[in-house]
Amino acid sequence: MIAEIKRRSPSKGVLDPSLDPATTARDYERGGAVALSVLTDAEFFGGSVDDLRAARDATRLPVLRKDFTVDRRDVADARLMGADAVLLIVAALGPVELIELHQQGVELGLDVLVEVHDEPELEQALQCGATLVGVNQRDLVTFEVDHARAERMAGAIPPDVVKVAESGVRAAADARRLRDAGYDAVLVGETLVIAPDRPSAVADLLTR
């Protein structure tokens, strides 16, 4: 479980405008999450660099900087703000940019989660040397969730690559289905943010 911290999203609007990142991070850790994803984008998600730092200081969990990484400075900023990992979205980058930013992240000691939506994007991710691949079940244009996408693509990801399923995980049955399809982790945001009891929400999703 990679548990996400965000105040709002483009698909659902405002989730929790008063969210405290430190308290939320501790709640996630108490529920059994093994990593955090923190949105630092202000315009679309209401996040900030301070949110990441607060979450990082509040727990012992590794933290993914979740943002639109499109420049070498963005990768360097992730390292400087204390992130353990950075997100690269194949759909937002050209092939050369993807390779260069992935290499930079590795050189700076960051784990690099490369996000894909279909088989051609997966091929680009593998060509850049990705060892951590996230399959986003949500369409970036329509915001619709396709639950079959992750299951379909799981078999195309090499066994030595860590597989992460993103978006659309709302119940333990969803997490079990993705586990059975071959995923090593799920990244969950909205379901946890809006839960009245966040530690229990994490624990419930992890129920085998």
C-alpha atoms as a PDB file:
ATOM      1  CA  MET A   1       0.000   0.000   0.000  1.00  0.00           C
ATOM      2  CA  ILE A   2       1.311   3.390  -1.110  1.00  0.00           C
ATOM      3  CA  ALA A   3      -1.060   5.812   0.618  1.00  0.00           C
ATOM      4  CA  GLU A   4      -1.583   9.222  -0.937  1.00  0.00           C
ATOM      5  CA  ILE A   5      -1.891  12.651   0.640  1.00  0.00           C
ATOM      6  CA  LYS A   6      -3.846  15.260  -1.323  1.00  0.00           C
ATOM      7  CA  ARG A   7      -6.540  17.828  -0.653  1.00  0.00           C
ATOM      8  CA  ARG A   8      -8.317  17.700  -3.993  1.00  0.00           C
ATOM      9  CA  SER A   9      -8.139  16.131  -7.452  1.00  0.00           C
ATOM     10  CA  PRO A  10      -9.160  17.149 -10.994  1.00  0.00           C
ATOM     11  CA  SER A  11     -11.622  14.247 -11.220  1.00  0.00           C
ATOM     12  CA  LYS A  12     -13.341  14.587  -7.816  1.00  0.00           C
ATOM     13  CA  GLY A  13     -12.741  18.196  -6.808  1.00  0.00           C
ATOM     14  CA  VAL A  14     -12.233  19.056  -3.142  1.00  0.00           C
ATOM     15  CA  LEU A  15     -11.604  16.020  -0.928  1.00  0.00           C
ATOM     16  CA  ASP A  16     -10.395  17.505   2.364  1.00  0.00           C
ATOM     17  CA  PRO A  17      -9.304  21.165   2.308  1.00  0.00           C
ATOM     18  CA  SER A  18      -8.264  21.048   5.971  1.00  0.00           C
ATOM     19  CA  LEU A  19      -6.108  17.921   5.602  1.00  0.00           C
ATOM     20  CA  ASP A  20      -3.039  17.934   7.843  1.00  0.00           C
ATOM     21  CA  PRO A  21      -0.218  16.048   6.088  1.00  0.00           C
ATOM     22  CA  ALA A  22       1.639  15.046   9.258  1.00  0.00           C
ATOM     23  CA  THR A  23      -1.441  13.626  10.973  1.00  0.00           C
ATOM     24  CA  THR A  24      -2.535  11.889   7.791  1.00  0.00           C
ATOM     25  CA  ALA A  25       0.903  10.363   7.290  1.00  0.00           C
ATOM     26  CA  ARG A  26       0.878   8.970  10.822  1.00  0.00           C
ATOM     27  CA  ASP A  27      -2.631   7.603  10.282  1.00  0.00           C
ATOM     28  CA  TYR A  28      -1.514   5.824   7.126  1.00  0.00           C
ATOM     29  CA  GLU A  29       1.547   4.369   8.819  1.00  0.00           C
ATOM     30  CA  ARG A  30      -0.564   3.154  11.739  1.00  0.00           C
ATOM     31  CA  GLY A  31      -2.934   1.436   9.301  1.00  0.00           C
ATOM     32  CA  GLY A  32      -0.130  -0.508   7.646  1.00  0.00           C
ATOM     33  CA  ALA A  33       0.940   1.541   4.605  1.00  0.00           C
ATOM     34  CA  VAL A  34       4.546   0.924   3.543  1.00  0.00           C
ATOM     35  CA  ALA A  35       5.072   4.197   1.650  1.00  0.00           C
ATOM     36  CA  LEU A  36       3.519   7.621   1.137  1.00  0.00           C
ATOM     37  CA  SER A  37       2.675   9.531  -2.020  1.00  0.00           C
ATOM     38  CA  VAL A  38       2.451  13.277  -1.453  1.00  0.00           C
ATOM     39  CA  LEU A  39       1.044  15.697  -4.014  1.00  0.00           C
ATOM     40  CA  THR A  40       3.132  18.858  -4.213  1.00  0.00           C
ATOM     41  CA  ASP A  41       1.185  20.418  -7.101  1.00  0.00           C
ATOM     42  CA  ALA A  42      -0.809  23.413  -5.843  1.00  0.00           C
ATOM     43  CA  GLU A  43      -3.043  24.229  -8.819  1.00  0.00           C
ATOM     44  CA  PHE A  44      -4.770  20.886  -9.322  1.00  0.00           C
ATOM     45  CA  PHE A  45      -4.239  19.066  -6.024  1.00  0.00           C
ATOM     46  CA  GLY A  46      -3.835  21.760  -3.369  1.00  0.00           C
ATOM     47  CA  GLY A  47      -0.427  20.429  -2.389  1.00  0.00           C
ATOM     48  CA  SER A  48       2.929  21.973  -1.571  1.00  0.00           C
ATOM     49  CA  VAL A  49       6.545  21.203  -0.800  1.00  0.00           C
ATOM     50  CA  ASP A  50       5.726  21.864   2.856  1.00  0.00           C
ATOM     51  CA  ASP A  51       3.185  19.014   2.754  1.00  0.00           C
ATOM     52  CA  LEU A  52       5.878  16.580   1.652  1.00  0.00           C
ATOM     53  CA  ARG A  53       8.318  17.750   4.278  1.00  0.00           C
ATOM     54  CA  ALA A  54       5.691  17.544   7.022  1.00  0.00           C
ATOM     55  CA  ALA A  55       4.730  13.995   6.024  1.00  0.00           C
ATOM     56  CA  ARG A  56       8.381  12.979   5.740  1.00  0.00           C
ATOM     57  CA  ASP A  57       9.164  14.286   9.217  1.00  0.00           C
ATOM     58  CA  ALA A  58       6.088  12.665  10.782  1.00  0.00           C
ATOM     59  CA  THR A  59       6.857   9.043   9.867  1.00  0.00           C
ATOM     60  CA  ARG A  60       9.620   6.624   8.946  1.00  0.00           C
ATOM     61  CA  LEU A  61       7.952   5.744   5.637  1.00  0.00           C
ATOM     62  CA  PRO A  62       9.589   6.487   2.272  1.00  0.00           C
ATOM     63  CA  VAL A  63       7.893   9.293   0.346  1.00  0.00           C
ATOM     64  CA  LEU A  64       7.100   9.621  -3.339  1.00  0.00           C
ATOM     65  CA  ARG A  65       6.899  13.164  -4.664  1.00  0.00           C
ATOM     66  CA  LYS A  66       3.747  13.036  -6.793  1.00  0.00           C
ATOM     67  CA  ASP A  67       3.813  15.907  -9.274  1.00  0.00           C
ATOM     68  CA  PHE A  68       4.145  16.693 -12.959  1.00  0.00           C
ATOM     69  CA  THR A  69       7.878  16.117 -13.403  1.00  0.00           C
ATOM     70  CA  VAL A  70       8.842  17.624 -16.760  1.00  0.00           C
ATOM     71  CA  ASP A  71      12.281  19.130 -16.213  1.00  0.00           C
ATOM     72  CA  ARG A  72      15.664  18.211 -14.714  1.00  0.00           C
ATOM     73  CA  ARG A  73      15.083  20.879 -12.075  1.00  0.00           C
ATOM     74  CA  ASP A  74      11.927  19.053 -10.940  1.00  0.00           C
ATOM     75  CA  VAL A  75      13.947  15.888 -10.311  1.00  0.00           C
ATOM     76  CA  ALA A  76      16.602  17.807  -8.403  1.00  0.00           C
ATOM     77  CA  ASP A  77      13.906  19.580  -6.369  1.00  0.00           C
ATOM     78  CA  ALA A  78      12.449  16.211  -5.336  1.00  0.00           C
ATOM     79  CA  ARG A  79      15.811  15.204  -3.909  1.00  0.00           C
ATOM     80  CA  LEU A  80      16.331  18.561  -2.192  1.00  0.00           C
ATOM     81  CA  MET A  81      12.904  18.526  -0.512  1.00  0.00           C
ATOM     82  CA  GLY A  82      13.596  15.111   0.996  1.00  0.00           C
ATOM     83  CA  ALA A  83      11.651  12.785  -1.283  1.00  0.00           C
ATOM     84  CA  ASP A  84      12.754   9.181  -1.660  1.00  0.00           C
ATOM     85  CA  ALA A  85      11.118   8.720  -5.061  1.00  0.00           C
ATOM     86  CA  VAL A  86       9.908  10.757  -8.010  1.00  0.00           C
ATOM     87  CA  LEU A  87       7.121  10.211 -10.545  1.00  0.00           C
ATOM     88  CA  LEU A  88       7.636  10.269 -14.311  1.00  0.00           C
ATOM     89  CA  ILE A  89       4.484  10.095 -16.461  1.00  0.00           C
ATOM     90  CA  VAL A  90       5.263   8.682 -19.891  1.00  0.00           C
ATOM     91  CA  ALA A  91       2.308  10.547 -21.445  1.00  0.00           C
ATOM     92  CA  ALA A  92       3.797  13.873 -20.326  1.00  0.00           C
ATOM     93  CA  LEU A  93       7.314  13.312 -21.647  1.00  0.00           C
ATOM     94  CA  GLY A  94       9.071  12.650 -24.920  1.00  0.00           C
ATOM     95  CA  PRO A  95      11.190   9.482 -25.243  1.00  0.00           C
ATOM     96  CA  VAL A  96      14.482  11.348 -24.837  1.00  0.00           C
ATOM     97  CA  GLU A  97      13.192  13.348 -21.846  1.00  0.00           C
ATOM     98  CA  LEU A  98      11.985  10.156 -20.201  1.00  0.00           C
ATOM     99  CA  ILE A  99      15.392   8.520 -20.512  1.00  0.00           C
ATOM    100  CA  GLU A 100      17.263  11.612 -19.296  1.00  0.00           C
ATOM    101  CA  LEU A 101      15.020  12.274 -16.293  1.00  0.00           C
ATOM    102  CA  HIS A 102      14.976   8.616 -15.299  1.00  0.00           C
ATOM    103  CA  GLN A 103      18.768   8.489 -15.428  1.00  0.00           C
ATOM    104  CA  GLN A 104      19.045  11.684 -13.410  1.00  0.00           C
ATOM    105  CA  GLY A 105      16.710  10.344 -10.738  1.00  0.00           C
ATOM    106  CA  VAL A 106      18.752   7.161 -10.395  1.00  0.00           C
ATOM    107  CA  GLU A 107      22.002   9.136 -10.219  1.00  0.00           C
ATOM    108  CA  LEU A 108      20.557  11.265  -7.412  1.00  0.00           C
ATOM    109  CA  GLY A 109      19.618   8.175  -5.429  1.00  0.00           C
ATOM    110  CA  LEU A 110      15.880   8.402  -6.041  1.00  0.00           C
ATOM    111  CA  ASP A 111      13.564   5.543  -6.844  1.00  0.00           C
ATOM    112  CA  VAL A 112      11.703   6.410 -10.055  1.00  0.00           C
ATOM    113  CA  LEU A 113       8.076   5.375 -10.520  1.00  0.00           C
ATOM    114  CA  VAL A 114       7.315   5.446 -14.244  1.00  0.00           C
ATOM    115  CA  GLU A 115       3.581   5.741 -14.885  1.00  0.00           C
ATOM    116  CA  VAL A 116       1.963   4.218 -17.977  1.00  0.00           C
ATOM    117  CA  HIS A 117      -1.556   3.857 -19.351  1.00  0.00           C
ATOM    118  CA  ASP A 118      -1.179   1.419 -22.226  1.00  0.00           C
ATOM    119  CA  GLU A 119       1.180  -1.035 -23.909  1.00  0.00           C
ATOM    120  CA  PRO A 120       3.078   1.491 -26.096  1.00  0.00           C
ATOM    121  CA  GLU A 121       3.790   3.607 -23.011  1.00  0.00           C
ATOM    122  CA  LEU A 122       4.902   0.498 -21.136  1.00  0.00           C
ATOM    123  CA  GLU A 123       7.389  -0.234 -23.914  1.00  0.00           C
ATOM    124  CA  GLN A 124       8.848   3.262 -23.511  1.00  0.00           C
ATOM    125  CA  ALA A 125       9.076   2.782 -19.749  1.00  0.00           C
ATOM    126  CA  LEU A 126      10.989  -0.461 -20.151  1.00  0.00           C
ATOM    127  CA  GLN A 127      13.276   1.047 -22.782  1.00  0.00           C
ATOM    128  CA  CYS A 128      14.323   3.794 -20.361  1.00  0.00           C
ATOM    129  CA  GLY A 129      15.325   1.154 -17.818  1.00  0.00           C
ATOM    130  CA  ALA A 130      12.393   1.477 -15.420  1.00  0.00           C
ATOM    131  CA  THR A 131      12.443  -0.993 -12.542  1.00  0.00           C
ATOM    132  CA  LEU A 132       9.327   0.465 -10.905  1.00  0.00           C
ATOM    133  CA  VAL A 133       6.262   0.771 -13.167  1.00  0.00           C
ATOM    134  CA  GLY A 134       2.841   2.132 -12.234  1.00  0.00           C
ATOM    135  CA  VAL A 135      -0.210   1.325 -14.335  1.00  0.00           C
ATOM    136  CA  ASN A 136      -2.777   4.094 -13.943  1.00  0.00           C
ATOM    137  CA  GLN A 137      -6.285   2.753 -14.398  1.00  0.00           C
ATOM    138  CA  ARG A 138      -7.665   6.293 -14.798  1.00  0.00           C
ATOM    139  CA  ASP A 139      -7.744   7.891 -18.251  1.00  0.00           C
ATOM    140  CA  LEU A 140      -5.956  11.259 -18.097  1.00  0.00           C
ATOM    141  CA  VAL A 141      -8.419  12.862 -20.515  1.00  0.00           C
ATOM    142  CA  THR A 142     -11.826  11.475 -19.512  1.00  0.00           C
ATOM    143  CA  PHE A 143     -10.921  10.624 -15.878  1.00  0.00           C
ATOM    144  CA  GLU A 144     -12.798   7.340 -16.331  1.00  0.00           C
ATOM    145  CA  VAL A 145     -11.408   4.296 -14.527  1.00  0.00           C
ATOM    146  CA  ASP A 146     -10.844   1.127 -16.545  1.00  0.00           C
ATOM    147  CA  HIS A 147     -10.428  -1.720 -14.053  1.00  0.00           C
ATOM    148  CA  ALA A 148      -9.499  -4.162 -16.785  1.00  0.00           C
ATOM    149  CA  ARG A 149      -6.499  -2.107 -17.889  1.00  0.00           C
ATOM    150  CA  ALA A 150      -4.203  -3.050 -15.040  1.00  0.00           C
ATOM    151  CA  GLU A 151      -5.137  -6.708 -15.239  1.00  0.00           C
ATOM    152  CA  ARG A 152      -4.532  -6.749 -18.985  1.00  0.00           C
ATOM    153  CA  MET A 153      -1.139  -5.107 -18.737  1.00  0.00           C
ATOM    154  CA  ALA A 154       0.215  -7.002 -15.746  1.00  0.00           C
ATOM    155  CA  GLY A 155       1.375  -9.924 -17.845  1.00  0.00           C
ATOM    156  CA  ALA A 156       3.364  -7.649 -20.159  1.00  0.00           C
ATOM    157  CA  ILE A 157       5.504  -6.270 -17.323  1.00  0.00           C
ATOM    158  CA  PRO A 158       8.687  -8.322 -16.760  1.00  0.00           C
ATOM    159  CA  PRO A 159       8.856 -10.250 -13.473  1.00  0.00           C
ATOM    160  CA  ASP A 160      11.918  -8.308 -12.282  1.00  0.00           C
ATOM    161  CA  VAL A 161      10.032  -4.990 -12.492  1.00  0.00           C
ATOM    162  CA  VAL A 162       8.044  -3.866  -9.441  1.00  0.00           C
ATOM    163  CA  LYS A 163       4.407  -3.446 -10.480  1.00  0.00           C
ATOM    164  CA  VAL A 164       2.189  -0.766  -8.940  1.00  0.00           C
ATOM    165  CA  ALA A 165      -1.519  -0.372  -9.738  1.00  0.00           C
ATOM    166  CA  GLU A 166      -2.817   3.190  -9.457  1.00  0.00           C
ATOM    167  CA  SER A 167      -6.330   4.687  -9.185  1.00  0.00           C
ATOM    168  CA  GLY A 168      -9.704   3.032  -8.774  1.00  0.00           C
ATOM    169  CA  VAL A 169      -8.845   0.986  -5.670  1.00  0.00           C
ATOM    170  CA  ARG A 170     -11.853   1.452  -3.394  1.00  0.00           C
ATOM    171  CA  ALA A 171     -12.265  -1.838  -1.536  1.00  0.00           C
ATOM    172  CA  ALA A 172     -10.286  -4.851  -0.369  1.00  0.00           C
ATOM    173  CA  ALA A 173     -11.710  -6.819  -3.289  1.00  0.00           C
ATOM    174  CA  ASP A 174     -10.064  -4.367  -5.713  1.00  0.00           C
ATOM    175  CA  ALA A 175      -6.693  -4.766  -3.987  1.00  0.00           C
ATOM    176  CA  ARG A 176      -7.002  -8.569  -3.957  1.00  0.00           C
ATOM    177  CA  ARG A 177      -7.879  -8.622  -7.652  1.00  0.00           C
ATOM    178  CA  LEU A 178      -4.788  -6.590  -8.478  1.00  0.00           C
ATOM    179  CA  ARG A 179      -2.599  -8.708  -6.216  1.00  0.00           C
ATOM    180  CA  ASP A 180      -3.861 -11.838  -7.950  1.00  0.00           C
ATOM    181  CA  ALA A 181      -3.105 -10.229 -11.318  1.00  0.00           C
ATOM    182  CA  GLY A 182       0.540  -9.913 -10.262  1.00  0.00           C
ATOM    183  CA  TYR A 183       0.876  -6.443  -8.749  1.00  0.00           C
ATOM    184  CA  ASP A 184       3.300  -5.834  -5.896  1.00  0.00           C
ATOM    185  CA  ALA A 185       1.577  -2.702  -4.598  1.00  0.00           C
ATOM    186  CA  VAL A 186      -1.420  -0.428  -4.991  1.00  0.00           C
ATOM    187  CA  LEU A 187      -1.364   3.360  -4.790  1.00  0.00           C
ATOM    188  CA  VAL A 188      -4.549   4.663  -3.170  1.00  0.00           C
ATOM    189  CA  GLY A 189      -5.602   8.273  -2.698  1.00  0.00           C
ATOM    190  CA  GLU A 190      -9.228   9.402  -2.754  1.00  0.00           C
ATOM    191  CA  THR A 191     -10.627   6.395  -0.872  1.00  0.00           C
ATOM    192  CA  LEU A 192      -8.247   6.997   2.041  1.00  0.00           C
ATOM    193  CA  VAL A 193      -8.408  10.794   2.114  1.00  0.00           C
ATOM    194  CA  ILE A 194     -12.209  10.882   2.456  1.00  0.00           C
ATOM    195  CA  ALA A 195     -12.377   8.005   4.956  1.00  0.00           C
ATOM    196  CA  PRO A 196     -13.606   9.035   8.433  1.00  0.00           C
ATOM    197  CA  ASP A 197     -11.091   6.634  10.022  1.00  0.00           C
ATOM    198  CA  ARG A 198      -7.968   6.587   7.885  1.00  0.00           C
ATOM    199  CA  PRO A 199      -5.953   3.938   9.784  1.00  0.00           C
ATOM    200  CA  SER A 200      -8.902   1.549   9.549  1.00  0.00           C
ATOM    201  CA  ALA A 201      -9.406   2.381   5.866  1.00  0.00           C
ATOM    202  CA  VAL A 202      -5.802   1.399   5.103  1.00  0.00           C
ATOM    203  CA  ALA A 203      -6.069  -1.770   7.177  1.00  0.00           C
ATOM    204  CA  ASP A 204      -9.370  -2.730   5.529  1.00  0.00           C
ATOM    205  CA  LEU A 205      -7.886  -2.424   2.030  1.00  0.00           C
ATOM    206  CA  LEU A 206      -5.000  -4.653   3.084  1.00  0.00           C
ATOM    207  CA  THR A 207      -7.314  -7.387   4.342  1.00  0.00           C
ATOM    208  CA  ARG A 208      -6.403 -10.612   2.551  1.00  0.00           C
END
